[in-house]
C-alpha atoms as a PDB file:
ATOM      1  CA  LEU A   1     -27.917 -33.136   0.309  1.00  0.00           C
ATOM      2  CA  PRO A   2     -25.640 -34.184   3.284  1.00  0.00           C
ATOM      3  CA  TRP A   3     -22.945 -31.804   4.444  1.00  0.00           C
ATOM      4  CA  GLU A   4     -20.334 -34.515   3.735  1.00  0.00           C
ATOM      5  CA  LEU A   5     -20.931 -33.849  -0.368  1.00  0.00           C
ATOM      6  CA  GLY A   6     -20.402 -30.065   0.330  1.00  0.00           C
ATOM      7  CA  VAL A   7     -17.280 -29.880   2.467  1.00  0.00           C
ATOM      8  CA  ALA A   8     -15.695 -32.202   0.547  1.00  0.00           C
ATOM      9  CA  GLU A   9     -16.058 -31.004  -2.535  1.00  0.00           C
ATOM     10  CA  THR A  10     -15.782 -26.983  -1.397  1.00  0.00           C
ATOM     11  CA  HIS A  11     -12.108 -28.030   0.132  1.00  0.00           C
ATOM     12  CA  GLN A  12     -11.279 -29.853  -3.114  1.00  0.00           C
ATOM     13  CA  VAL A  13     -12.200 -27.143  -5.300  1.00  0.00           C
ATOM     14  CA  LEU A  14     -10.990 -24.171  -3.087  1.00  0.00           C
ATOM     15  CA  THR A  15      -7.795 -26.267  -3.079  1.00  0.00           C
ATOM     16  CA  MET A  16      -7.636 -27.161  -6.797  1.00  0.00           C
ATOM     17  CA  ASN A  17      -7.759 -22.853  -7.484  1.00  0.00           C
ATOM     18  CA  ASN A  18      -5.121 -22.136  -4.600  1.00  0.00           C
ATOM     19  CA  LEU A  19      -7.853 -20.561  -2.244  1.00  0.00           C
ATOM     20  CA  ARG A  20      -7.989 -22.779   0.314  1.00  0.00           C
ATOM     21  CA  SER A  21      -5.883 -20.543   2.628  1.00  0.00           C
ATOM     22  CA  ARG A  22      -8.449 -17.784   2.129  1.00  0.00           C
ATOM     23  CA  VAL A  23     -11.226 -19.306   3.139  1.00  0.00           C
ATOM     24  CA  VAL A  24     -12.392 -20.540   6.439  1.00  0.00           C
ATOM     25  CA  LEU A  25     -14.674 -23.766   6.038  1.00  0.00           C
ATOM     26  CA  GLN A  26     -17.687 -24.154   8.280  1.00  0.00           C
ATOM     27  CA  ALA A  27     -19.772 -27.755   8.467  1.00  0.00           C
ATOM     28  CA  ASP A  28     -23.256 -27.274  10.029  1.00  0.00           C
ATOM     29  CA  GLY A  29     -26.338 -29.419  10.501  1.00  0.00           C
ATOM     30  CA  GLN A  30     -26.654 -32.677  12.573  1.00  0.00           C
ATOM     31  CA  ILE A  31     -23.444 -32.395  14.404  1.00  0.00           C
ATOM     32  CA  ARG A  32     -24.068 -33.967  17.399  1.00  0.00           C
ATOM     33  CA  THR A  33     -20.880 -36.063  18.568  1.00  0.00           C
ATOM     34  CA  GLY A  34     -17.284 -35.603  18.736  1.00  0.00           C
ATOM     35  CA  ARG A  35     -17.156 -38.492  15.644  1.00  0.00           C
ATOM     36  CA  ASP A  36     -19.320 -35.942  13.733  1.00  0.00           C
ATOM     37  CA  VAL A  37     -16.709 -33.409  14.483  1.00  0.00           C
ATOM     38  CA  MET A  38     -13.811 -35.819  13.394  1.00  0.00           C
ATOM     39  CA  ILE A  39     -15.560 -36.701  10.155  1.00  0.00           C
ATOM     40  CA  ALA A  40     -16.251 -33.452   9.231  1.00  0.00           C
ATOM     41  CA  ALA A  41     -12.839 -32.108   9.833  1.00  0.00           C
ATOM     42  CA  LEU A  42     -11.153 -35.166   8.253  1.00  0.00           C
ATOM     43  CA  LEU A  43     -13.502 -33.929   5.038  1.00  0.00           C
ATOM     44  CA  GLY A  44     -12.176 -30.209   5.102  1.00  0.00           C
ATOM     45  CA  ALA A  45     -14.030 -28.564   7.655  1.00  0.00           C
ATOM     46  CA  ASP A  46     -12.175 -25.468   9.701  1.00  0.00           C
ATOM     47  CA  GLU A  47     -14.971 -24.896  12.086  1.00  0.00           C
ATOM     48  CA  PHE A  48     -18.363 -26.696  13.464  1.00  0.00           C
ATOM     49  CA  GLY A  49     -21.614 -25.334  13.801  1.00  0.00           C
ATOM     50  CA  MET A  50     -24.200 -27.090  16.741  1.00  0.00           C
ATOM     51  CA  SER A  51     -27.199 -25.663  17.277  1.00  0.00           C
ATOM     52  CA  THR A  52     -29.840 -28.566  18.082  1.00  0.00           C
ATOM     53  CA  ALA A  53     -27.969 -30.844  20.573  1.00  0.00           C
ATOM     54  CA  PRO A  54     -26.815 -27.734  22.809  1.00  0.00           C
ATOM     55  CA  LEU A  55     -30.656 -26.439  22.406  1.00  0.00           C
ATOM     56  CA  ILE A  56     -31.784 -29.892  23.935  1.00  0.00           C
ATOM     57  CA  VAL A  57     -28.985 -29.971  26.589  1.00  0.00           C
ATOM     58  CA  LEU A  58     -30.854 -26.688  27.648  1.00  0.00           C
ATOM     59  CA  GLY A  59     -33.901 -28.617  28.117  1.00  0.00           C
ATOM     60  CA  CYS A  60     -35.507 -28.260  24.506  1.00  0.00           C
ATOM     61  CA  THR A  61     -38.070 -31.149  24.046  1.00  0.00           C
ATOM     62  CA  MET A  62     -38.754 -30.827  20.274  1.00  0.00           C
ATOM     63  CA  MET A  63     -42.446 -29.658  20.399  1.00  0.00           C
ATOM     64  CA  ARG A  64     -42.176 -28.032  17.350  1.00  0.00           C
ATOM     65  CA  LYS A  65     -44.023 -24.908  18.485  1.00  0.00           C
ATOM     66  CA  CYS A  66     -41.339 -22.257  18.373  1.00  0.00           C
ATOM     67  CA  HIS A  67     -43.500 -20.390  16.326  1.00  0.00           C
ATOM     68  CA  LEU A  68     -46.636 -20.476  18.283  1.00  0.00           C
ATOM     69  CA  ASN A  69     -45.379 -18.614  21.772  1.00  0.00           C
ATOM     70  CA  THR A  70     -46.264 -21.861  23.683  1.00  0.00           C
ATOM     71  CA  CYS A  71     -42.993 -23.970  24.330  1.00  0.00           C
ATOM     72  CA  PRO A  72     -43.757 -25.842  27.530  1.00  0.00           C
ATOM     73  CA  VAL A  73     -40.246 -25.821  28.678  1.00  0.00           C
ATOM     74  CA  GLY A  74     -39.937 -21.944  28.373  1.00  0.00           C
ATOM     75  CA  VAL A  75     -37.244 -22.075  25.374  1.00  0.00           C
ATOM     76  CA  ALA A  76     -38.858 -20.247  22.464  1.00  0.00           C
ATOM     77  CA  THR A  77     -41.696 -18.070  24.501  1.00  0.00           C
ATOM     78  CA  GLN A  78     -42.234 -14.723  25.619  1.00  0.00           C
ATOM     79  CA  ASP A  79     -45.180 -15.897  28.003  1.00  0.00           C
ATOM     80  CA  PRO A  80     -43.915 -15.181  31.658  1.00  0.00           C
ATOM     81  CA  ILE A  81     -45.592 -18.202  32.988  1.00  0.00           C
ATOM     82  CA  LEU A  82     -43.837 -20.740  30.495  1.00  0.00           C
ATOM     83  CA  ARG A  83     -40.399 -18.904  30.829  1.00  0.00           C
ATOM     84  CA  ALA A  84     -40.628 -19.792  34.506  1.00  0.00           C
ATOM     85  CA  LYS A  85     -40.473 -23.017  33.372  1.00  0.00           C
ATOM     86  CA  PHE A  86     -36.938 -22.899  31.896  1.00  0.00           C
ATOM     87  CA  GLU A  87     -34.028 -24.728  33.735  1.00  0.00           C
ATOM     88  CA  GLY A  88     -31.569 -24.530  31.269  1.00  0.00           C
ATOM     89  CA  LYS A  89     -28.007 -23.304  32.238  1.00  0.00           C
ATOM     90  CA  PRO A  90     -24.858 -22.263  30.793  1.00  0.00           C
ATOM     91  CA  GLU A  91     -22.767 -24.843  32.591  1.00  0.00           C
ATOM     92  CA  HIS A  92     -24.929 -27.134  30.724  1.00  0.00           C
ATOM     93  CA  VAL A  93     -23.959 -26.392  27.638  1.00  0.00           C
ATOM     94  CA  VAL A  94     -20.273 -26.156  28.768  1.00  0.00           C
ATOM     95  CA  ASN A  95     -20.642 -29.650  29.956  1.00  0.00           C
ATOM     96  CA  TYR A  96     -21.598 -30.900  26.543  1.00  0.00           C
ATOM     97  CA  MET A  97     -19.209 -29.182  24.792  1.00  0.00           C
ATOM     98  CA  PHE A  98     -16.452 -30.657  27.088  1.00  0.00           C
ATOM     99  CA  MET A  99     -17.598 -34.392  26.101  1.00  0.00           C
ATOM    100  CA  VAL A 100     -17.425 -33.197  22.353  1.00  0.00           C
ATOM    101  CA  ALA A 101     -13.952 -32.306  22.631  1.00  0.00           C
ATOM    102  CA  GLU A 102     -13.051 -34.963  24.946  1.00  0.00           C
ATOM    103  CA  GLU A 103     -14.659 -37.782  22.277  1.00  0.00           C
ATOM    104  CA  VAL A 104     -12.373 -35.773  19.777  1.00  0.00           C
ATOM    105  CA  ARG A 105      -9.096 -35.883  21.589  1.00  0.00           C
ATOM    106  CA  TYR A 106      -9.865 -39.731  22.220  1.00  0.00           C
ATOM    107  CA  PHE A 107     -10.235 -40.154  17.815  1.00  0.00           C
ATOM    108  CA  LEU A 108      -7.212 -37.662  17.586  1.00  0.00           C
ATOM    109  CA  SER A 109      -4.821 -39.928  19.515  1.00  0.00           C
ATOM    110  CA  LYS A 110      -6.068 -43.085  18.021  1.00  0.00           C
ATOM    111  CA  LEU A 111      -4.975 -41.238  14.755  1.00  0.00           C
ATOM    112  CA  GLY A 112      -2.014 -39.847  16.119  1.00  0.00           C
ATOM    113  CA  LEU A 113      -2.936 -36.761  15.543  1.00  0.00           C
ATOM    114  CA  ARG A 114      -1.830 -33.818  17.834  1.00  0.00           C
ATOM    115  CA  LYS A 115      -4.357 -31.010  17.180  1.00  0.00           C
ATOM    116  CA  LEU A 116      -7.503 -30.702  15.563  1.00  0.00           C
ATOM    117  CA  GLU A 117      -5.977 -28.549  12.973  1.00  0.00           C
ATOM    118  CA  ASP A 118      -3.979 -31.542  11.459  1.00  0.00           C
ATOM    119  CA  ALA A 119      -6.786 -33.488  10.779  1.00  0.00           C
ATOM    120  CA  VAL A 120      -8.121 -30.959   8.247  1.00  0.00           C
ATOM    121  CA  GLY A 121      -8.459 -32.484   4.850  1.00  0.00           C
ATOM    122  CA  ARG A 122      -7.117 -35.602   5.901  1.00  0.00           C
ATOM    123  CA  THR A 123      -9.512 -38.041   3.883  1.00  0.00           C
ATOM    124  CA  ASP A 124      -6.393 -40.927   3.745  1.00  0.00           C
ATOM    125  CA  LEU A 125      -7.658 -41.825   7.084  1.00  0.00           C
ATOM    126  CA  LEU A 126     -11.410 -42.639   6.365  1.00  0.00           C
ATOM    127  CA  TYR A 127     -12.698 -45.234   4.618  1.00  0.00           C
ATOM    128  CA  ALA A 128     -16.126 -46.612   3.637  1.00  0.00           C
ATOM    129  CA  SER A 129     -17.315 -49.677   6.002  1.00  0.00           C
ATOM    130  CA  SER A 130     -17.420 -52.811   4.380  1.00  0.00           C
ATOM    131  CA  ASN A 131     -20.325 -53.954   6.408  1.00  0.00           C
ATOM    132  CA  PRO A 132     -22.679 -51.390   6.975  1.00  0.00           C
ATOM    133  CA  VAL A 133     -25.903 -51.160   9.263  1.00  0.00           C
ATOM    134  CA  ASN A 134     -27.992 -50.664   5.956  1.00  0.00           C
ATOM    135  CA  LYS A 135     -27.368 -52.731   3.298  1.00  0.00           C
ATOM    136  CA  LYS A 136     -28.452 -50.206   0.849  1.00  0.00           C
ATOM    137  CA  ALA A 137     -25.023 -48.105   1.606  1.00  0.00           C
ATOM    138  CA  THR A 138     -22.706 -50.538  -0.286  1.00  0.00           C
ATOM    139  CA  MET A 139     -24.189 -49.198  -3.571  1.00  0.00           C
ATOM    140  CA  LEU A 140     -22.864 -45.898  -2.614  1.00  0.00           C
ATOM    141  CA  GLU A 141     -19.678 -44.489  -4.252  1.00  0.00           C
ATOM    142  CA  PHE A 142     -17.236 -42.361  -1.836  1.00  0.00           C
ATOM    143  CA  GLY A 143     -14.593 -42.238  -4.462  1.00  0.00           C
ATOM    144  CA  SER A 144     -14.992 -38.684  -4.999  1.00  0.00           C
ATOM    145  CA  ILE A 145     -15.479 -37.251  -1.208  1.00  0.00           C
ATOM    146  CA  LEU A 146     -12.173 -39.068  -0.285  1.00  0.00           C
ATOM    147  CA  LYS A 147      -9.875 -37.833  -2.781  1.00  0.00           C
ATOM    148  CA  ASN A 148      -7.203 -36.198  -0.703  1.00  0.00           C
ATOM    149  CA  ALA A 149      -6.780 -32.986  -1.922  1.00  0.00           C
ATOM    150  CA  GLN A 150      -3.702 -32.077  -0.307  1.00  0.00           C
ATOM    151  CA  GLN A 151      -2.077 -34.880  -2.110  1.00  0.00           C
ATOM    152  CA  MET A 152      -3.242 -33.601  -5.278  1.00  0.00           C
ATOM    153  CA  PHE A 153      -1.533 -30.308  -4.754  1.00  0.00           C
ATOM    154  CA  PRO A 154       0.979 -30.774  -2.018  1.00  0.00           C
ATOM    155  CA  ASN A 155       2.274 -27.077  -3.147  1.00  0.00           C
ATOM    156  CA  VAL A 156      -1.218 -25.532  -2.068  1.00  0.00           C
ATOM    157  CA  SER A 157      -1.369 -24.624   1.769  1.00  0.00           C
ATOM    158  CA  ILE A 158      -5.179 -25.974   2.954  1.00  0.00           C
ATOM    159  CA  ARG A 159      -5.053 -24.189   6.343  1.00  0.00           C
ATOM    160  CA  GLY A 160      -8.044 -22.244   6.364  1.00  0.00           C
ATOM    161  CA  GLY A 161      -7.677 -18.486   6.832  1.00  0.00           C
ATOM    162  CA  SER A 162      -4.001 -18.182   7.182  1.00  0.00           C
ATOM    163  CA  VAL A 163      -4.093 -15.759   4.394  1.00  0.00           C
ATOM    164  CA  LYS A 164      -6.058 -12.575   5.463  1.00  0.00           C
ATOM    165  CA  GLN A 165      -7.755 -10.305   2.807  1.00  0.00           C
ATOM    166  CA  VAL A 166      -6.697  -6.516   3.459  1.00  0.00           C
ATOM    167  CA  ILE A 167      -9.381  -4.220   2.296  1.00  0.00           C
ATOM    168  CA  GLU A 168      -7.103  -1.269   1.109  1.00  0.00           C
ATOM    169  CA  LEU A 169      -8.570   2.262   1.948  1.00  0.00           C
ATOM    170  CA  GLY A 170     -10.395   3.853  -1.052  1.00  0.00           C
ATOM    171  CA  ALA A 171      -8.211   6.202  -2.719  1.00  0.00           C
ATOM    172  CA  LEU A 172     -10.710   8.666  -3.772  1.00  0.00           C
ATOM    173  CA  GLU A 173     -11.768   9.240  -0.251  1.00  0.00           C
ATOM    174  CA  THR A 174      -8.404   9.594   1.156  1.00  0.00           C
ATOM    175  CA  GLN A 175      -7.839  12.437  -1.715  1.00  0.00           C
ATOM    176  CA  LEU A 176     -10.614  14.214  -0.620  1.00  0.00           C
ATOM    177  CA  LEU A 177      -9.729  13.973   3.252  1.00  0.00           C
ATOM    178  CA  THR A 178      -6.572  15.978   2.710  1.00  0.00           C
ATOM    179  CA  GLU A 179      -8.638  18.657   1.193  1.00  0.00           C
ATOM    180  CA  LEU A 180     -11.206  19.077   3.658  1.00  0.00           C
ATOM    181  CA  GLU A 181      -9.373  20.594   6.535  1.00  0.00           C
ATOM    182  CA  GLU A 182     -10.532  24.343   5.914  1.00  0.00           C
ATOM    183  CA  VAL A 183     -13.965  23.220   5.923  1.00  0.00           C
ATOM    184  CA  PHE A 184     -13.328  21.933   9.520  1.00  0.00           C
ATOM    185  CA  SER A 185     -11.164  24.902  10.322  1.00  0.00           C
ATOM    186  CA  GLU A 186     -13.726  27.598   9.129  1.00  0.00           C
ATOM    187  CA  ALA A 187     -17.067  28.369  10.134  1.00  0.00           C
ATOM    188  CA  GLY A 188     -19.314  28.474   7.046  1.00  0.00           C
ATOM    189  CA  HIS A 189     -17.109  27.292   4.623  1.00  0.00           C
ATOM    190  CA  HIS A 190     -18.520  25.491   1.525  1.00  0.00           C
ATOM    191  CA  LYS A 191     -16.501  23.329  -0.256  1.00  0.00           C
ATOM    192  CA  VAL A 192     -17.303  21.750  -3.726  1.00  0.00           C
ATOM    193  CA  PHE A 193     -15.593  18.716  -5.387  1.00  0.00           C
ATOM    194  CA  ASP A 194     -16.515  18.346  -9.158  1.00  0.00           C
ATOM    195  CA  ASN A 195     -15.818  15.613 -11.626  1.00  0.00           C
ATOM    196  CA  LYS A 196     -14.377  13.258  -9.536  1.00  0.00           C
ATOM    197  CA  PHE A 197     -14.245   9.648 -11.026  1.00  0.00           C
ATOM    198  CA  ILE A 198     -15.101   6.688  -8.809  1.00  0.00           C
ATOM    199  CA  THR A 199     -14.773   3.133  -9.031  1.00  0.00           C
ATOM    200  CA  ASN A 200     -16.240  -0.070  -7.698  1.00  0.00           C
ATOM    201  CA  LEU A 201     -13.171  -0.301  -5.520  1.00  0.00           C
ATOM    202  CA  ASP A 202     -14.044   2.838  -3.869  1.00  0.00           C
ATOM    203  CA  ARG A 203     -16.257   1.064  -0.940  1.00  0.00           C
ATOM    204  CA  THR A 204     -18.640   2.511   1.665  1.00  0.00           C
ATOM    205  CA  PHE A 205     -17.605   5.954   0.179  1.00  0.00           C
ATOM    206  CA  GLY A 206     -18.440   9.040   2.607  1.00  0.00           C
ATOM    207  CA  THR A 207     -18.033   6.955   5.542  1.00  0.00           C
ATOM    208  CA  ARG A 208     -14.632   8.131   6.397  1.00  0.00           C
ATOM    209  CA  ILE A 209     -15.551  11.579   5.520  1.00  0.00           C
ATOM    210  CA  SER A 210     -18.946  11.517   7.633  1.00  0.00           C
ATOM    211  CA  TYR A 211     -16.446   9.941  10.532  1.00  0.00           C
ATOM    212  CA  GLU A 212     -14.373  12.986  10.612  1.00  0.00           C
ATOM    213  CA  ILE A 213     -17.228  14.919  10.823  1.00  0.00           C
ATOM    214  CA  SER A 214     -19.181  13.064  13.668  1.00  0.00           C
ATOM    215  CA  LYS A 215     -15.554  13.155  15.457  1.00  0.00           C
ATOM    216  CA  ARG A 216     -15.305  16.752  15.296  1.00  0.00           C
ATOM    217  CA  TYR A 217     -19.168  17.546  15.492  1.00  0.00           C
ATOM    218  CA  GLY A 218     -20.934  15.028  16.622  1.00  0.00           C
ATOM    219  CA  GLU A 219     -24.344  13.728  15.331  1.00  0.00           C
ATOM    220  CA  LEU A 220     -25.388  17.011  14.384  1.00  0.00           C
ATOM    221  CA  GLY A 221     -23.119  17.040  11.696  1.00  0.00           C
ATOM    222  CA  LEU A 222     -22.105  20.459   9.661  1.00  0.00           C
ATOM    223  CA  GLU A 223     -24.392  23.138  10.373  1.00  0.00           C
ATOM    224  CA  GLY A 224     -25.385  26.486   8.969  1.00  0.00           C
ATOM    225  CA  SER A 225     -23.595  27.137   5.580  1.00  0.00           C
ATOM    226  CA  ARG A 226     -20.625  25.027   6.485  1.00  0.00           C
ATOM    227  CA  SER A 227     -21.119  22.101   4.018  1.00  0.00           C
ATOM    228  CA  ILE A 228     -19.623  19.770   1.255  1.00  0.00           C
ATOM    229  CA  THR A 229     -20.854  18.838  -1.987  1.00  0.00           C
ATOM    230  CA  ILE A 230     -18.906  16.328  -4.046  1.00  0.00           C
ATOM    231  CA  ASN A 231     -19.836  15.673  -7.604  1.00  0.00           C
ATOM    232  CA  LEU A 232     -18.914  11.976  -8.925  1.00  0.00           C
ATOM    233  CA  LYS A 233     -19.102  10.015 -12.043  1.00  0.00           C
ATOM    234  CA  GLY A 234     -18.592   6.399 -12.246  1.00  0.00           C
ATOM    235  CA  HIS A 235     -19.271   3.315 -10.770  1.00  0.00           C
ATOM    236  CA  ALA A 236     -19.238   2.994  -7.103  1.00  0.00           C
ATOM    237  CA  GLY A 237     -18.894   0.459  -4.870  1.00  0.00           C
ATOM    238  CA  GLN A 238     -20.881  -1.493  -2.295  1.00  0.00           C
ATOM    239  CA  SER A 239     -22.509   1.138   0.742  1.00  0.00           C
ATOM    240  CA  PHE A 240     -22.403   4.154  -1.695  1.00  0.00           C
ATOM    241  CA  CYS A 241     -22.850   6.750   1.110  1.00  0.00           C
ATOM    242  CA  ALA A 242     -24.381   4.249   3.477  1.00  0.00           C
ATOM    243  CA  PHE A 243     -23.531   6.074   6.515  1.00  0.00           C
ATOM    244  CA  LEU A 244     -23.554  10.281   5.219  1.00  0.00           C
ATOM    245  CA  ALA A 245     -23.199  12.727   7.880  1.00  0.00           C
ATOM    246  CA  LYS A 246     -25.312  15.756   7.976  1.00  0.00           C
ATOM    247  CA  GLY A 247     -24.418  18.280   5.585  1.00  0.00           C
ATOM    248  CA  VAL A 248     -22.799  16.417   3.148  1.00  0.00           C
ATOM    249  CA  SER A 249     -24.150  16.120  -0.338  1.00  0.00           C
ATOM    250  CA  VAL A 250     -23.478  13.454  -2.919  1.00  0.00           C
ATOM    251  CA  THR A 251     -24.061  13.692  -6.851  1.00  0.00           C
ATOM    252  CA  LEU A 252     -23.311  10.311  -8.979  1.00  0.00           C
ATOM    253  CA  GLU A 253     -23.474  10.106 -12.564  1.00  0.00           C
ATOM    254  CA  GLY A 254     -23.460   6.260 -13.202  1.00  0.00           C
ATOM    255  CA  ASP A 255     -24.180   3.494 -10.916  1.00  0.00           C
ATOM    256  CA  ALA A 256     -24.021   2.154  -7.536  1.00  0.00           C
END
């Protein structure tokens, strides 16, 4: 499906549920010019991804041989002979982006907008051409994607990413850290935590404990008889014990 449908619907649904300010919406796919960027912004996109056009600017000839190691212009190959043919420079991409930005500035001035951020979600500035090049386009109905979400929900912020989600530190690991000082201060000390309850709010459990160990003892972790044993019950969150340091043993009765 065209990204125009996805961007418009996503922007509308997020606004409807008062979630738009928590999400940065990016449009990507066949974006080539400043006009494409403007249409994406007016439909609700905050960011814009480009890949094919900058690649062509660097010299890609679209030979469709990227996976064969035989790219004739040295873009997608490890062959030193072919790589020597690569003539792309960062300045080429910079110049292309400046040209796209200049076209965006032109359209913004025509629409009376000061900055691109002001164009996000302004579907009232878009309209369907009454005389398209392809006459079949007259059969398309654009009413649903041209609905203005801000007008339908005037009290909802549509500035993407303006509300930052703050991940609270896991209460369980915070509590355990306060009781580990004797392990760090006394050689050969073994600490056991029994019947501790964990929930899926405790994400990346063990990471902060491992950090404190690594900070003190490096990558060797706890050596000798100095160790930490943690017995848990419940439902662990994501990345449970993903980066556990040596000397820490965790047993979970439940799921992760």
